[in-house]
């Protein structure tokens, strides 16, 4: 694992320090790593949403469509 030193304004450092124990982190570094992972997930989801928005619809979105999605979700597909 690599090391990175960062500088934070006092308010951000206090925020991170205050998050460690109540959220179950052992260290400030663990908390910051989790924040970075969440941002990665957010960016990935945004990319998927944008790709979906740019895609051409292939089937009508009606009650049957949503019912088939529910059925697939219930089957774990």
PDB file of N, CA and C in Angstrom:
ATOM      1  N   UNK A   1       0.847  -1.172   0.000  1.00  0.00           N
ATOM      2  CA  UNK A   1       0.000   0.000   0.000  1.00  0.00           C
ATOM      3  C   UNK A   1       0.891   1.233   0.000  1.00  0.00           C
ATOM      4  N   UNK A   2       0.523   2.209  -0.792  1.00  0.00           N
ATOM      5  CA  UNK A   2       1.275   3.455  -0.873  1.00  0.00           C
ATOM      6  C   UNK A   2       0.791   4.431   0.186  1.00  0.00           C
ATOM      7  N   UNK A   3       1.642   5.385   0.489  1.00  0.00           N
ATOM      8  CA  UNK A   3       1.305   6.422   1.452  1.00  0.00           C
ATOM      9  C   UNK A   3       1.141   7.743   0.732  1.00  0.00           C
ATOM     10  N   UNK A   4       0.136   8.520   1.171  1.00  0.00           N
ATOM     11  CA  UNK A   4      -0.094   9.846   0.615  1.00  0.00           C
ATOM     12  C   UNK A   4      -0.374  10.784   1.784  1.00  0.00           C
ATOM     13  N   UNK A   5       0.342  11.865   1.830  1.00  0.00           N
ATOM     14  CA  UNK A   5       0.096  12.876   2.860  1.00  0.00           C
ATOM     15  C   UNK A   5      -0.761  13.980   2.263  1.00  0.00           C
ATOM     16  N   UNK A   6      -1.815  14.362   2.963  1.00  0.00           N
ATOM     17  CA  UNK A   6      -2.680  15.430   2.477  1.00  0.00           C
ATOM     18  C   UNK A   6      -2.822  16.496   3.554  1.00  0.00           C
ATOM     19  N   UNK A   7      -3.090  17.711   3.123  1.00  0.00           N
ATOM     20  CA  UNK A   7      -3.344  18.812   4.052  1.00  0.00           C
ATOM     21  C   UNK A   7      -4.819  19.138   3.996  1.00  0.00           C
ATOM     22  N   UNK A   8      -5.416  19.291   5.158  1.00  0.00           N
ATOM     23  CA  UNK A   8      -6.832  19.628   5.259  1.00  0.00           C
ATOM     24  C   UNK A   8      -7.009  20.886   6.091  1.00  0.00           C
ATOM     25  N   UNK A   9      -7.976  21.709   5.728  1.00  0.00           N
ATOM     26  CA  UNK A   9      -8.310  22.820   6.612  1.00  0.00           C
ATOM     27  C   UNK A   9      -8.815  22.252   7.952  1.00  0.00           C
ATOM     28  N   UNK A  10      -8.705  23.037   8.988  1.00  0.00           N
ATOM     29  CA  UNK A  10      -9.089  22.569  10.324  1.00  0.00           C
ATOM     30  C   UNK A  10     -10.506  22.004  10.364  1.00  0.00           C
ATOM     31  N   UNK A  11     -11.432  22.638   9.661  1.00  0.00           N
ATOM     32  CA  UNK A  11     -12.823  22.191   9.688  1.00  0.00           C
ATOM     33  C   UNK A  11     -12.969  20.793   9.088  1.00  0.00           C
ATOM     34  N   UNK A  12     -12.257  20.509   7.991  1.00  0.00           N
ATOM     35  CA  UNK A  12     -12.332  19.180   7.389  1.00  0.00           C
ATOM     36  C   UNK A  12     -11.642  18.135   8.250  1.00  0.00           C
ATOM     37  N   UNK A  13     -10.518  18.495   8.848  1.00  0.00           N
ATOM     38  CA  UNK A  13      -9.828  17.559   9.738  1.00  0.00           C
ATOM     39  C   UNK A  13     -10.718  17.214  10.925  1.00  0.00           C
ATOM     40  N   UNK A  14     -11.381  18.211  11.488  1.00  0.00           N
ATOM     41  CA  UNK A  14     -12.296  17.961  12.604  1.00  0.00           C
ATOM     42  C   UNK A  14     -13.436  17.049  12.177  1.00  0.00           C
ATOM     43  N   UNK A  15     -13.956  17.274  10.966  1.00  0.00           N
ATOM     44  CA  UNK A  15     -15.035  16.432  10.459  1.00  0.00           C
ATOM     45  C   UNK A  15     -14.578  14.983  10.380  1.00  0.00           C
ATOM     46  N   UNK A  16     -13.404  14.749   9.784  1.00  0.00           N
ATOM     47  CA  UNK A  16     -12.895  13.380   9.651  1.00  0.00           C
ATOM     48  C   UNK A  16     -12.657  12.779  11.027  1.00  0.00           C
ATOM     49  N   UNK A  17     -12.024  13.522  11.911  1.00  0.00           N
ATOM     50  CA  UNK A  17     -11.767  13.025  13.263  1.00  0.00           C
ATOM     51  C   UNK A  17     -13.066  12.623  13.957  1.00  0.00           C
ATOM     52  N   UNK A  18     -14.115  13.421  13.761  1.00  0.00           N
ATOM     53  CA  UNK A  18     -15.411  13.155  14.403  1.00  0.00           C
ATOM     54  C   UNK A  18     -16.119  11.937  13.810  1.00  0.00           C
ATOM     55  N   UNK A  19     -15.736  11.515  12.615  1.00  0.00           N
ATOM     56  CA  UNK A  19     -16.388  10.383  11.953  1.00  0.00           C
ATOM     57  C   UNK A  19     -15.780   9.037  12.337  1.00  0.00           C
ATOM     58  N   UNK A  20     -14.560   9.038  12.800  1.00  0.00           N
ATOM     59  CA  UNK A  20     -13.820   7.793  12.994  1.00  0.00           C
ATOM     60  C   UNK A  20     -14.538   6.823  13.926  1.00  0.00           C
ATOM     61  N   UNK A  21     -14.691   7.172  15.149  1.00  0.00           N
ATOM     62  CA  UNK A  21     -15.251   6.240  16.120  1.00  0.00           C
ATOM     63  C   UNK A  21     -16.746   5.960  15.905  1.00  0.00           C
ATOM     64  N   UNK A  22     -17.583   6.995  15.751  1.00  0.00           N
ATOM     65  CA  UNK A  22     -19.019   6.710  15.609  1.00  0.00           C
ATOM     66  C   UNK A  22     -19.372   5.860  14.386  1.00  0.00           C
ATOM     67  N   UNK A  23     -18.573   5.927  13.357  1.00  0.00           N
ATOM     68  CA  UNK A  23     -18.869   5.160  12.144  1.00  0.00           C
ATOM     69  C   UNK A  23     -18.103   3.837  12.081  1.00  0.00           C
ATOM     70  N   UNK A  24     -17.392   3.520  13.127  1.00  0.00           N
ATOM     71  CA  UNK A  24     -16.720   2.226  13.208  1.00  0.00           C
ATOM     72  C   UNK A  24     -15.372   2.137  12.525  1.00  0.00           C
ATOM     73  N   UNK A  25     -14.778   3.271  12.187  1.00  0.00           N
ATOM     74  CA  UNK A  25     -13.438   3.246  11.587  1.00  0.00           C
ATOM     75  C   UNK A  25     -12.408   3.167  12.697  1.00  0.00           C
ATOM     76  N   UNK A  26     -11.262   2.551  12.400  1.00  0.00           N
ATOM     77  CA  UNK A  26     -10.195   2.514  13.401  1.00  0.00           C
ATOM     78  C   UNK A  26      -9.262   3.696  13.299  1.00  0.00           C
ATOM     79  N   UNK A  27      -9.156   4.259  12.087  1.00  0.00           N
ATOM     80  CA  UNK A  27      -8.243   5.386  11.871  1.00  0.00           C
ATOM     81  C   UNK A  27      -8.872   6.403  10.926  1.00  0.00           C
ATOM     82  N   UNK A  28      -8.280   7.582  10.922  1.00  0.00           N
ATOM     83  CA  UNK A  28      -8.706   8.615   9.969  1.00  0.00           C
ATOM     84  C   UNK A  28      -8.456   8.159   8.536  1.00  0.00           C
ATOM     85  N   UNK A  29      -7.357   7.459   8.311  1.00  0.00           N
ATOM     86  CA  UNK A  29      -7.034   6.974   6.973  1.00  0.00           C
ATOM     87  C   UNK A  29      -8.119   6.037   6.452  1.00  0.00           C
ATOM     88  N   UNK A  30      -8.618   5.164   7.310  1.00  0.00           N
ATOM     89  CA  UNK A  30      -9.681   4.243   6.915  1.00  0.00           C
ATOM     90  C   UNK A  30     -10.938   5.015   6.506  1.00  0.00           C
ATOM     91  N   UNK A  31     -11.254   6.054   7.249  1.00  0.00           N
ATOM     92  CA  UNK A  31     -12.412   6.900   6.937  1.00  0.00           C
ATOM     93  C   UNK A  31     -12.233   7.583   5.579  1.00  0.00           C
ATOM     94  N   UNK A  32     -11.068   8.151   5.335  1.00  0.00           N
ATOM     95  CA  UNK A  32     -10.801   8.850   4.075  1.00  0.00           C
ATOM     96  C   UNK A  32     -10.825   7.868   2.910  1.00  0.00           C
ATOM     97  N   UNK A  33     -10.269   6.659   3.099  1.00  0.00           N
ATOM     98  CA  UNK A  33     -10.309   5.647   2.035  1.00  0.00           C
ATOM     99  C   UNK A  33     -11.753   5.314   1.663  1.00  0.00           C
ATOM    100  N   UNK A  34     -12.610   5.175   2.665  1.00  0.00           N
ATOM    101  CA  UNK A  34     -14.016   4.877   2.409  1.00  0.00           C
ATOM    102  C   UNK A  34     -14.697   6.022   1.650  1.00  0.00           C
ATOM    103  N   UNK A  35     -14.387   7.254   2.002  1.00  0.00           N
ATOM    104  CA  UNK A  35     -14.945   8.399   1.274  1.00  0.00           C
ATOM    105  C   UNK A  35     -14.509   8.383  -0.190  1.00  0.00           C
ATOM    106  N   UNK A  36     -13.252   8.035  -0.432  1.00  0.00           N
ATOM    107  CA  UNK A  36     -12.744   7.964  -1.803  1.00  0.00           C
ATOM    108  C   UNK A  36     -13.441   6.835  -2.558  1.00  0.00           C
ATOM    109  N   UNK A  37     -13.613   5.667  -1.921  1.00  0.00           N
ATOM    110  CA  UNK A  37     -14.320   4.560  -2.571  1.00  0.00           C
ATOM    111  C   UNK A  37     -15.747   4.953  -2.930  1.00  0.00           C
ATOM    112  N   UNK A  38     -16.416   5.639  -2.034  1.00  0.00           N
ATOM    113  CA  UNK A  38     -17.794   6.077  -2.307  1.00  0.00           C
ATOM    114  C   UNK A  38     -17.835   7.042  -3.489  1.00  0.00           C
ATOM    115  N   UNK A  39     -16.837   7.898  -3.596  1.00  0.00           N
ATOM    116  CA  UNK A  39     -16.785   8.817  -4.728  1.00  0.00           C
ATOM    117  C   UNK A  39     -16.532   8.051  -6.021  1.00  0.00           C
ATOM    118  N   UNK A  40     -15.680   7.033  -5.973  1.00  0.00           N
ATOM    119  CA  UNK A  40     -15.457   6.185  -7.153  1.00  0.00           C
ATOM    120  C   UNK A  40     -16.772   5.532  -7.582  1.00  0.00           C
ATOM    121  N   UNK A  41     -17.506   4.995  -6.613  1.00  0.00           N
ATOM    122  CA  UNK A  41     -18.798   4.365  -6.918  1.00  0.00           C
ATOM    123  C   UNK A  41     -19.768   5.376  -7.528  1.00  0.00           C
ATOM    124  N   UNK A  42     -19.785   6.586  -6.988  1.00  0.00           N
ATOM    125  CA  UNK A  42     -20.676   7.630  -7.499  1.00  0.00           C
ATOM    126  C   UNK A  42     -20.321   7.973  -8.941  1.00  0.00           C
ATOM    127  N   UNK A  43     -19.036   8.097  -9.223  1.00  0.00           N
ATOM    128  CA  UNK A  43     -18.612   8.417 -10.584  1.00  0.00           C
ATOM    129  C   UNK A  43     -18.946   7.284 -11.547  1.00  0.00           C
ATOM    130  N   UNK A  44     -18.776   6.042 -11.090  1.00  0.00           N
ATOM    131  CA  UNK A  44     -19.113   4.890 -11.930  1.00  0.00           C
ATOM    132  C   UNK A  44     -20.614   4.870 -12.233  1.00  0.00           C
ATOM    133  N   UNK A  45     -21.423   5.077 -11.204  1.00  0.00           N
ATOM    134  CA  UNK A  45     -22.871   5.109 -11.395  1.00  0.00           C
ATOM    135  C   UNK A  45     -23.270   6.238 -12.339  1.00  0.00           C
ATOM    136  N   UNK A  46     -22.650   7.387 -12.201  1.00  0.00           N
ATOM    137  CA  UNK A  46     -22.951   8.518 -13.090  1.00  0.00           C
ATOM    138  C   UNK A  46     -22.641   8.150 -14.541  1.00  0.00           C
ATOM    139  N   UNK A  47     -21.518   7.482 -14.740  1.00  0.00           N
ATOM    140  CA  UNK A  47     -21.166   7.043 -16.087  1.00  0.00           C
ATOM    141  C   UNK A  47     -22.188   6.077 -16.661  1.00  0.00           C
ATOM    142  N   UNK A  48     -22.649   5.138 -15.833  1.00  0.00           N
ATOM    143  CA  UNK A  48     -23.672   4.197 -16.293  1.00  0.00           C
ATOM    144  C   UNK A  48     -24.980   4.913 -16.626  1.00  0.00           C
ATOM    145  N   UNK A  49     -25.356   5.865 -15.784  1.00  0.00           N
ATOM    146  CA  UNK A  49     -26.594   6.613 -16.037  1.00  0.00           C
ATOM    147  C   UNK A  49     -26.494   7.427 -17.319  1.00  0.00           C
ATOM    148  N   UNK A  50     -25.350   8.066 -17.527  1.00  0.00           N
ATOM    149  CA  UNK A  50     -25.166   8.840 -18.758  1.00  0.00           C
ATOM    150  C   UNK A  50     -25.177   7.936 -19.989  1.00  0.00           C
ATOM    151  N   UNK A  51     -24.541   6.784 -19.885  1.00  0.00           N
ATOM    152  CA  UNK A  51     -24.542   5.838 -21.012  1.00  0.00           C
ATOM    153  C   UNK A  51     -25.965   5.364 -21.286  1.00  0.00           C
ATOM    154  N   UNK A  52     -26.724   5.101 -20.245  1.00  0.00           N
ATOM    155  CA  UNK A  52     -28.103   4.678 -20.428  1.00  0.00           C
ATOM    156  C   UNK A  52     -28.951   5.772 -21.045  1.00  0.00           C
ATOM    157  N   UNK A  53     -28.713   7.000 -20.619  1.00  0.00           N
ATOM    158  CA  UNK A  53     -29.484   8.126 -21.157  1.00  0.00           C
ATOM    159  C   UNK A  53     -29.186   8.350 -22.640  1.00  0.00           C
ATOM    160  N   UNK A  54     -27.962   8.021 -23.056  1.00  0.00           N
ATOM    161  CA  UNK A  54     -27.570   8.209 -24.452  1.00  0.00           C
ATOM    162  C   UNK A  54     -27.955   7.028 -25.339  1.00  0.00           C
ATOM    163  N   UNK A  55     -28.352   5.913 -24.731  1.00  0.00           N
ATOM    164  CA  UNK A  55     -28.662   4.728 -25.535  1.00  0.00           C
ATOM    165  C   UNK A  55     -30.047   4.843 -26.168  1.00  0.00           C
ATOM    166  N   UNK A  56     -30.222   4.074 -27.213  1.00  0.00           N
ATOM    167  CA  UNK A  56     -31.489   4.056 -27.932  1.00  0.00           C
ATOM    168  C   UNK A  56     -32.427   3.075 -27.239  1.00  0.00           C
ATOM    169  N   UNK A  57     -33.664   3.502 -26.932  1.00  0.00           N
ATOM    170  CA  UNK A  57     -34.608   2.575 -26.301  1.00  0.00           C
ATOM    171  C   UNK A  57     -34.882   1.379 -27.220  1.00  0.00           C
ATOM    172  N   UNK A  58     -34.957   0.200 -26.630  1.00  0.00           N
ATOM    173  CA  UNK A  58     -35.200  -1.003 -27.426  1.00  0.00           C
ATOM    174  C   UNK A  58     -36.571  -1.605 -27.179  1.00  0.00           C
ATOM    175  N   UNK A  59     -37.233  -1.219 -26.107  1.00  0.00           N
ATOM    176  CA  UNK A  59     -38.559  -1.772 -25.804  1.00  0.00           C
ATOM    177  C   UNK A  59     -39.395  -0.682 -25.152  1.00  0.00           C
ATOM    178  N   UNK A  60     -40.700  -0.747 -25.335  1.00  0.00           N
ATOM    179  CA  UNK A  60     -41.537   0.259 -24.688  1.00  0.00           C
ATOM    180  C   UNK A  60     -41.483   0.108 -23.166  1.00  0.00           C
ATOM    181  N   UNK A  61     -41.511   1.230 -22.482  1.00  0.00           N
ATOM    182  CA  UNK A  61     -41.497   1.221 -21.024  1.00  0.00           C
ATOM    183  C   UNK A  61     -42.939   1.402 -20.560  1.00  0.00           C
ATOM    184  N   UNK A  62     -43.556   0.267 -20.239  1.00  0.00           N
ATOM    185  CA  UNK A  62     -44.934   0.284 -19.777  1.00  0.00           C
ATOM    186  C   UNK A  62     -45.060  -0.631 -18.571  1.00  0.00           C
ATOM    187  N   UNK A  63     -46.257  -0.929 -18.167  1.00  0.00           N
ATOM    188  CA  UNK A  63     -46.470  -1.779 -17.001  1.00  0.00           C
ATOM    189  C   UNK A  63     -45.851  -3.149 -17.155  1.00  0.00           C
ATOM    190  N   UNK A  64     -45.943  -3.735 -18.350  1.00  0.00           N
ATOM    191  CA  UNK A  64     -45.348  -5.054 -18.589  1.00  0.00           C
ATOM    192  C   UNK A  64     -43.830  -5.024 -18.431  1.00  0.00           C
ATOM    193  N   UNK A  65     -43.235  -3.950 -18.905  1.00  0.00           N
ATOM    194  CA  UNK A  65     -41.780  -3.809 -18.788  1.00  0.00           C
ATOM    195  C   UNK A  65     -41.354  -3.818 -17.321  1.00  0.00           C
ATOM    196  N   UNK A  66     -42.044  -3.008 -16.504  1.00  0.00           N
ATOM    197  CA  UNK A  66     -41.676  -2.942 -15.086  1.00  0.00           C
ATOM    198  C   UNK A  66     -42.000  -4.241 -14.362  1.00  0.00           C
ATOM    199  N   UNK A  67     -43.049  -4.915 -14.766  1.00  0.00           N
ATOM    200  CA  UNK A  67     -43.374  -6.206 -14.160  1.00  0.00           C
ATOM    201  C   UNK A  67     -42.290  -7.229 -14.467  1.00  0.00           C
ATOM    202  N   UNK A  68     -41.750  -7.195 -15.693  1.00  0.00           N
ATOM    203  CA  UNK A  68     -40.669  -8.128 -16.036  1.00  0.00           C
ATOM    204  C   UNK A  68     -39.400  -7.800 -15.237  1.00  0.00           C
ATOM    205  N   UNK A  69     -39.149  -6.515 -14.990  1.00  0.00           N
ATOM    206  CA  UNK A  69     -37.996  -6.147 -14.150  1.00  0.00           C
ATOM    207  C   UNK A  69     -38.175  -6.662 -12.728  1.00  0.00           C
ATOM    208  N   UNK A  70     -39.385  -6.514 -12.190  1.00  0.00           N
ATOM    209  CA  UNK A  70     -39.649  -7.026 -10.833  1.00  0.00           C
ATOM    210  C   UNK A  70     -39.444  -8.537 -10.777  1.00  0.00           C
ATOM    211  N   UNK A  71     -39.925  -9.227 -11.789  1.00  0.00           N
ATOM    212  CA  UNK A  71     -39.784 -10.687 -11.814  1.00  0.00           C
ATOM    213  C   UNK A  71     -38.295 -11.077 -11.866  1.00  0.00           C
ATOM    214  N   UNK A  72     -37.515 -10.379 -12.704  1.00  0.00           N
ATOM    215  CA  UNK A  72     -36.086 -10.656 -12.778  1.00  0.00           C
ATOM    216  C   UNK A  72     -35.397 -10.372 -11.456  1.00  0.00           C
ATOM    217  N   UNK A  73     -35.768  -9.276 -10.817  1.00  0.00           N
ATOM    218  CA  UNK A  73     -35.151  -8.931  -9.528  1.00  0.00           C
ATOM    219  C   UNK A  73     -35.485  -9.974  -8.473  1.00  0.00           C
ATOM    220  N   UNK A  74     -36.700 -10.468  -8.481  1.00  0.00           N
ATOM    221  CA  UNK A  74     -37.114 -11.474  -7.508  1.00  0.00           C
ATOM    222  C   UNK A  74     -36.400 -12.808  -7.728  1.00  0.00           C
ATOM    223  N   UNK A  75     -36.019 -13.070  -8.983  1.00  0.00           N
ATOM    224  CA  UNK A  75     -35.281 -14.299  -9.287  1.00  0.00           C
ATOM    225  C   UNK A  75     -33.786 -14.122  -9.044  1.00  0.00           C
ATOM    226  N   UNK A  76     -33.361 -12.882  -8.823  1.00  0.00           N
ATOM    227  CA  UNK A  76     -31.950 -12.620  -8.566  1.00  0.00           C
ATOM    228  C   UNK A  76     -31.107 -12.526  -9.819  1.00  0.00           C
ATOM    229  N   UNK A  77     -31.716 -12.176 -10.926  1.00  0.00           N
ATOM    230  CA  UNK A  77     -30.979 -12.067 -12.195  1.00  0.00           C
ATOM    231  C   UNK A  77     -30.449 -10.656 -12.339  1.00  0.00           C
TER     232      UNK A  77
END
